[in-house]
């Protein structure tokens, strides 16, 4: 699930010597409103179609335009979640990927990142999601899974995020294979676990919109 595995080779980088006319033609061809700008193998930032429209000059060199989001990139060996984080932080639907020498390798689209991450977390599967709050020192996925399995339910996937209100705590999000949560919640609470939130999915997820919605709920963002 590393970033380089999901590079979209259909999205070409612009060079500084390219014209704005060429940039718009490429954007129209691949149906995007943004392209990466690269110079001698180094990522400089992103160029959006609205930046070109504001110039009202289709023969201008890309060299004469300051690209935005020069920090919208991740290292190639970073997890796909880091791509989603960068996309959210920079409000961009593409994120550049570079190696450890800062050489540009390509871009990952938000759509591809969401699809890959959702698949890896079994978001599209029938079941339920629990979000627990616990001290980092108390975290043991093996122990929590054992408790859940006493209710004939399995943990399909898990995700840890920090608690913005308390550095000593984490939020543990669990995808379970059964939609019924009443007994599981009661059992976990009996063992002292605090449940922040939950939701149940009676049927599998089919549409891309539902997949994205479920992913955001799973990540609790």
Protein backbone atom coordinates (compact mmCIF):
# COMPACT_ATOMS: atom_id res chain seq x y z
CA UNK A 1 0.00 0.00 0.00
CA UNK A 2 2.89 2.37 -0.75
CA UNK A 3 2.34 5.55 -2.75
CA UNK A 4 4.45 4.53 -5.77
CA UNK A 5 2.15 1.53 -6.39
CA UNK A 6 -0.73 3.87 -7.26
CA UNK A 7 1.00 6.37 -9.54
CA UNK A 8 -1.30 7.32 -12.42
CA UNK A 9 0.82 7.22 -15.57
CA UNK A 10 -1.93 8.84 -17.64
CA UNK A 11 -1.26 12.22 -16.01
CA UNK A 12 1.81 13.85 -17.61
CA UNK A 13 3.98 16.53 -15.97
CA UNK A 14 4.35 19.97 -17.52
CA UNK A 15 7.80 21.37 -18.26
CA UNK A 16 8.70 25.04 -17.78
CA UNK A 17 9.15 25.37 -21.55
CA UNK A 18 5.61 24.16 -22.28
CA UNK A 19 2.94 26.65 -23.31
CA UNK A 20 -0.29 27.28 -21.46
CA UNK A 21 -2.12 26.18 -24.62
CA UNK A 22 -0.56 22.74 -24.30
CA UNK A 23 -1.45 22.56 -20.61
CA UNK A 24 -5.13 23.24 -21.32
CA UNK A 25 -5.16 20.71 -24.17
CA UNK A 26 -3.75 18.02 -21.89
CA UNK A 27 -6.21 18.89 -19.14
CA UNK A 28 -9.12 18.60 -21.54
CA UNK A 29 -7.82 15.31 -22.96
CA UNK A 30 -7.44 13.57 -19.60
CA UNK A 31 -10.38 15.39 -17.98
CA UNK A 32 -8.59 17.11 -15.14
CA UNK A 33 -8.27 20.70 -13.98
CA UNK A 34 -4.75 20.41 -12.57
CA UNK A 35 -1.34 19.13 -13.71
CA UNK A 36 2.04 18.81 -11.98
CA UNK A 37 4.91 21.09 -13.00
CA UNK A 38 8.38 19.53 -13.10
CA UNK A 39 11.81 20.96 -13.86
CA UNK A 40 14.83 18.72 -14.38
CA UNK A 41 13.16 15.91 -12.48
CA UNK A 42 12.08 18.03 -9.52
CA UNK A 43 8.48 18.73 -8.54
CA UNK A 44 7.71 22.48 -8.48
CA UNK A 45 4.00 22.48 -7.73
CA UNK A 46 0.60 22.27 -9.41
CA UNK A 47 -0.91 24.30 -12.23
CA UNK A 48 -4.70 24.69 -12.37
CA UNK A 49 -6.76 25.62 -15.39
CA UNK A 50 -8.19 28.68 -13.58
CA UNK A 51 -4.65 30.07 -13.26
CA UNK A 52 -4.31 29.90 -17.04
CA UNK A 53 -7.73 31.43 -17.66
CA UNK A 54 -6.83 34.38 -15.43
CA UNK A 55 -3.74 35.05 -17.58
CA UNK A 56 -5.78 35.08 -20.79
CA UNK A 57 -2.63 34.18 -22.76
CA UNK A 58 -2.46 30.75 -24.39
CA UNK A 59 1.09 31.28 -25.68
CA UNK A 60 2.70 32.01 -22.32
CA UNK A 61 5.46 29.71 -21.10
CA UNK A 62 4.78 27.76 -17.92
CA UNK A 63 8.07 29.30 -16.75
CA UNK A 64 6.22 32.59 -16.26
CA UNK A 65 3.65 31.12 -13.86
CA UNK A 66 4.25 30.38 -10.19
CA UNK A 67 2.70 26.95 -9.51
CA UNK A 68 0.72 26.40 -6.31
CA UNK A 69 1.07 23.73 -3.63
CA UNK A 70 4.83 23.09 -3.98
CA UNK A 71 4.62 20.95 -0.83
CA UNK A 72 1.81 18.73 -2.08
CA UNK A 73 3.94 15.59 -2.33
CA UNK A 74 4.79 12.40 -0.47
CA UNK A 75 7.74 10.03 -0.54
CA UNK A 76 7.25 6.97 -2.73
CA UNK A 77 7.50 4.57 0.22
CA UNK A 78 4.81 6.30 2.27
CA UNK A 79 1.49 4.57 2.96
CA UNK A 80 -1.50 5.46 0.81
CA UNK A 81 -3.03 7.11 3.89
CA UNK A 82 -0.27 9.75 3.69
CA UNK A 83 -1.47 10.53 0.16
CA UNK A 84 -4.98 11.10 1.51
CA UNK A 85 -3.61 13.32 4.27
CA UNK A 86 -1.60 15.42 1.80
CA UNK A 87 -4.61 15.70 -0.50
CA UNK A 88 -6.76 16.93 2.37
CA UNK A 89 -4.16 19.33 3.78
CA UNK A 90 -3.51 20.97 0.40
CA UNK A 91 -7.08 20.64 -0.91
CA UNK A 92 -5.84 19.01 -4.08
CA UNK A 93 -7.20 16.02 -5.96
CA UNK A 94 -3.70 14.94 -7.06
CA UNK A 95 -0.56 14.44 -4.98
CA UNK A 96 2.97 14.21 -6.35
CA UNK A 97 5.20 11.25 -5.49
CA UNK A 98 8.98 11.65 -5.15
CA UNK A 99 11.82 9.34 -4.16
CA UNK A 100 14.22 9.96 -1.27
CA UNK A 101 16.44 12.02 -3.61
CA UNK A 102 13.43 14.27 -4.29
CA UNK A 103 13.20 13.04 -7.88
CA UNK A 104 9.67 13.29 -9.29
CA UNK A 105 8.08 9.90 -10.06
CA UNK A 106 4.46 10.77 -10.87
CA UNK A 107 1.16 11.61 -9.19
CA UNK A 108 -1.57 9.74 -7.35
CA UNK A 109 -5.16 10.90 -7.77
CA UNK A 110 -7.53 11.27 -4.82
CA UNK A 111 -9.95 8.89 -6.54
CA UNK A 112 -7.31 6.15 -6.87
CA UNK A 113 -6.11 6.68 -3.29
CA UNK A 114 -9.62 6.45 -1.85
CA UNK A 115 -10.42 3.34 -3.87
CA UNK A 116 -7.20 1.59 -2.85
CA UNK A 117 -7.49 2.50 0.82
CA UNK A 118 -11.17 1.58 1.02
CA UNK A 119 -10.48 -1.81 -0.54
CA UNK A 120 -7.63 -2.51 1.88
CA UNK A 121 -9.84 -1.73 4.87
CA UNK A 122 -12.81 -3.80 3.71
CA UNK A 123 -14.96 -0.66 3.78
CA UNK A 124 -17.18 -1.98 0.99
CA UNK A 125 -17.98 -5.18 2.91
CA UNK A 126 -21.10 -5.81 4.93
CA UNK A 127 -20.59 -5.40 8.66
CA UNK A 128 -20.16 -2.62 11.18
CA UNK A 129 -17.66 -0.10 12.49
CA UNK A 130 -16.71 0.69 16.10
CA UNK A 131 -14.58 3.62 17.24
CA UNK A 132 -12.93 3.19 20.64
CA UNK A 133 -11.01 5.64 22.82
CA UNK A 134 -8.18 4.25 24.92
CA UNK A 135 -4.79 5.06 26.37
CA UNK A 136 -1.91 4.23 24.08
CA UNK A 137 -0.38 2.15 26.87
CA UNK A 138 -3.55 0.03 27.03
CA UNK A 139 -3.64 -0.72 23.30
CA UNK A 140 -3.57 -4.41 22.37
CA UNK A 141 -5.31 -5.36 19.15
CA UNK A 142 -4.87 -9.04 19.99
CA UNK A 143 -6.71 -8.62 23.29
CA UNK A 144 -9.50 -6.52 21.78
CA UNK A 145 -9.91 -9.00 18.92
CA UNK A 146 -10.09 -11.87 21.42
CA UNK A 147 -12.90 -10.12 23.30
CA UNK A 148 -14.82 -9.43 20.09
CA UNK A 149 -14.39 -13.03 18.92
CA UNK A 150 -16.18 -14.25 22.06
CA UNK A 151 -19.28 -12.77 20.40
CA UNK A 152 -18.63 -14.82 17.21
CA UNK A 153 -17.47 -11.72 15.35
CA UNK A 154 -14.16 -11.06 13.61
CA UNK A 155 -12.12 -7.89 13.13
CA UNK A 156 -11.65 -7.38 9.38
CA UNK A 157 -9.39 -4.35 9.65
CA UNK A 158 -8.28 -1.66 12.07
CA UNK A 159 -7.03 1.90 11.98
CA UNK A 160 -5.35 4.01 14.67
CA UNK A 161 -5.50 7.80 14.83
CA UNK A 162 -4.33 10.23 17.49
CA UNK A 163 -6.75 12.01 19.79
CA UNK A 164 -6.41 15.77 19.11
CA UNK A 165 -7.68 16.54 22.62
CA UNK A 166 -5.35 14.21 24.54
CA UNK A 167 -1.86 13.18 23.42
CA UNK A 168 -1.92 10.15 25.71
CA UNK A 169 -4.98 8.65 24.01
CA UNK A 170 -5.70 7.10 20.63
CA UNK A 171 -8.83 6.38 18.64
CA UNK A 172 -9.06 2.80 17.40
CA UNK A 173 -11.45 2.21 14.51
CA UNK A 174 -12.47 -1.39 13.88
CA UNK A 175 -14.29 -2.87 10.88
CA UNK A 176 -16.23 -5.97 11.98
CA UNK A 177 -17.80 -8.69 9.85
CA UNK A 178 -21.20 -8.64 11.60
CA UNK A 179 -23.73 -5.76 11.56
CA UNK A 180 -25.15 -6.49 15.03
CA UNK A 181 -23.27 -4.47 17.66
CA UNK A 182 -25.42 -4.55 20.79
CA UNK A 183 -23.73 -7.51 22.51
CA UNK A 184 -20.24 -6.54 21.32
CA UNK A 185 -20.61 -3.02 22.71
CA UNK A 186 -21.82 -4.37 26.04
CA UNK A 187 -18.93 -6.83 26.25
CA UNK A 188 -16.28 -4.23 25.42
CA UNK A 189 -17.74 -1.78 27.92
CA UNK A 190 -17.71 -4.52 30.56
CA UNK A 191 -13.96 -4.81 29.99
CA UNK A 192 -13.57 -1.06 30.46
CA UNK A 193 -13.35 0.09 26.83
CA UNK A 194 -14.94 3.44 25.96
CA UNK A 195 -16.94 3.46 22.71
CA UNK A 196 -16.96 6.84 20.98
CA UNK A 197 -19.14 6.01 18.00
CA UNK A 198 -20.44 3.19 15.82
CA UNK A 199 -22.42 2.50 12.69
CA UNK A 200 -23.90 -0.58 11.10
CA UNK A 201 -23.90 -1.55 7.42
CA UNK A 202 -26.67 -4.00 6.67
CA UNK A 203 -25.77 -4.41 3.00
CA UNK A 204 -22.60 -4.17 0.98
CA UNK A 205 -21.50 -0.85 -0.49
CA UNK A 206 -21.99 -0.54 -4.24
CA UNK A 207 -21.64 3.09 -5.35
CA UNK A 208 -18.42 5.12 -5.33
CA UNK A 209 -20.19 7.85 -3.34
CA UNK A 210 -21.08 5.37 -0.61
CA UNK A 211 -17.52 4.00 -0.60
CA UNK A 212 -16.11 7.49 -0.05
CA UNK A 213 -18.66 8.27 2.65
CA UNK A 214 -17.91 5.05 4.48
CA UNK A 215 -14.17 5.64 4.22
CA UNK A 216 -14.47 9.10 5.77
CA UNK A 217 -16.61 7.70 8.57
CA UNK A 218 -14.12 4.88 9.08
CA UNK A 219 -11.25 7.34 9.38
CA UNK A 220 -13.44 9.50 11.63
CA UNK A 221 -12.69 12.66 9.59
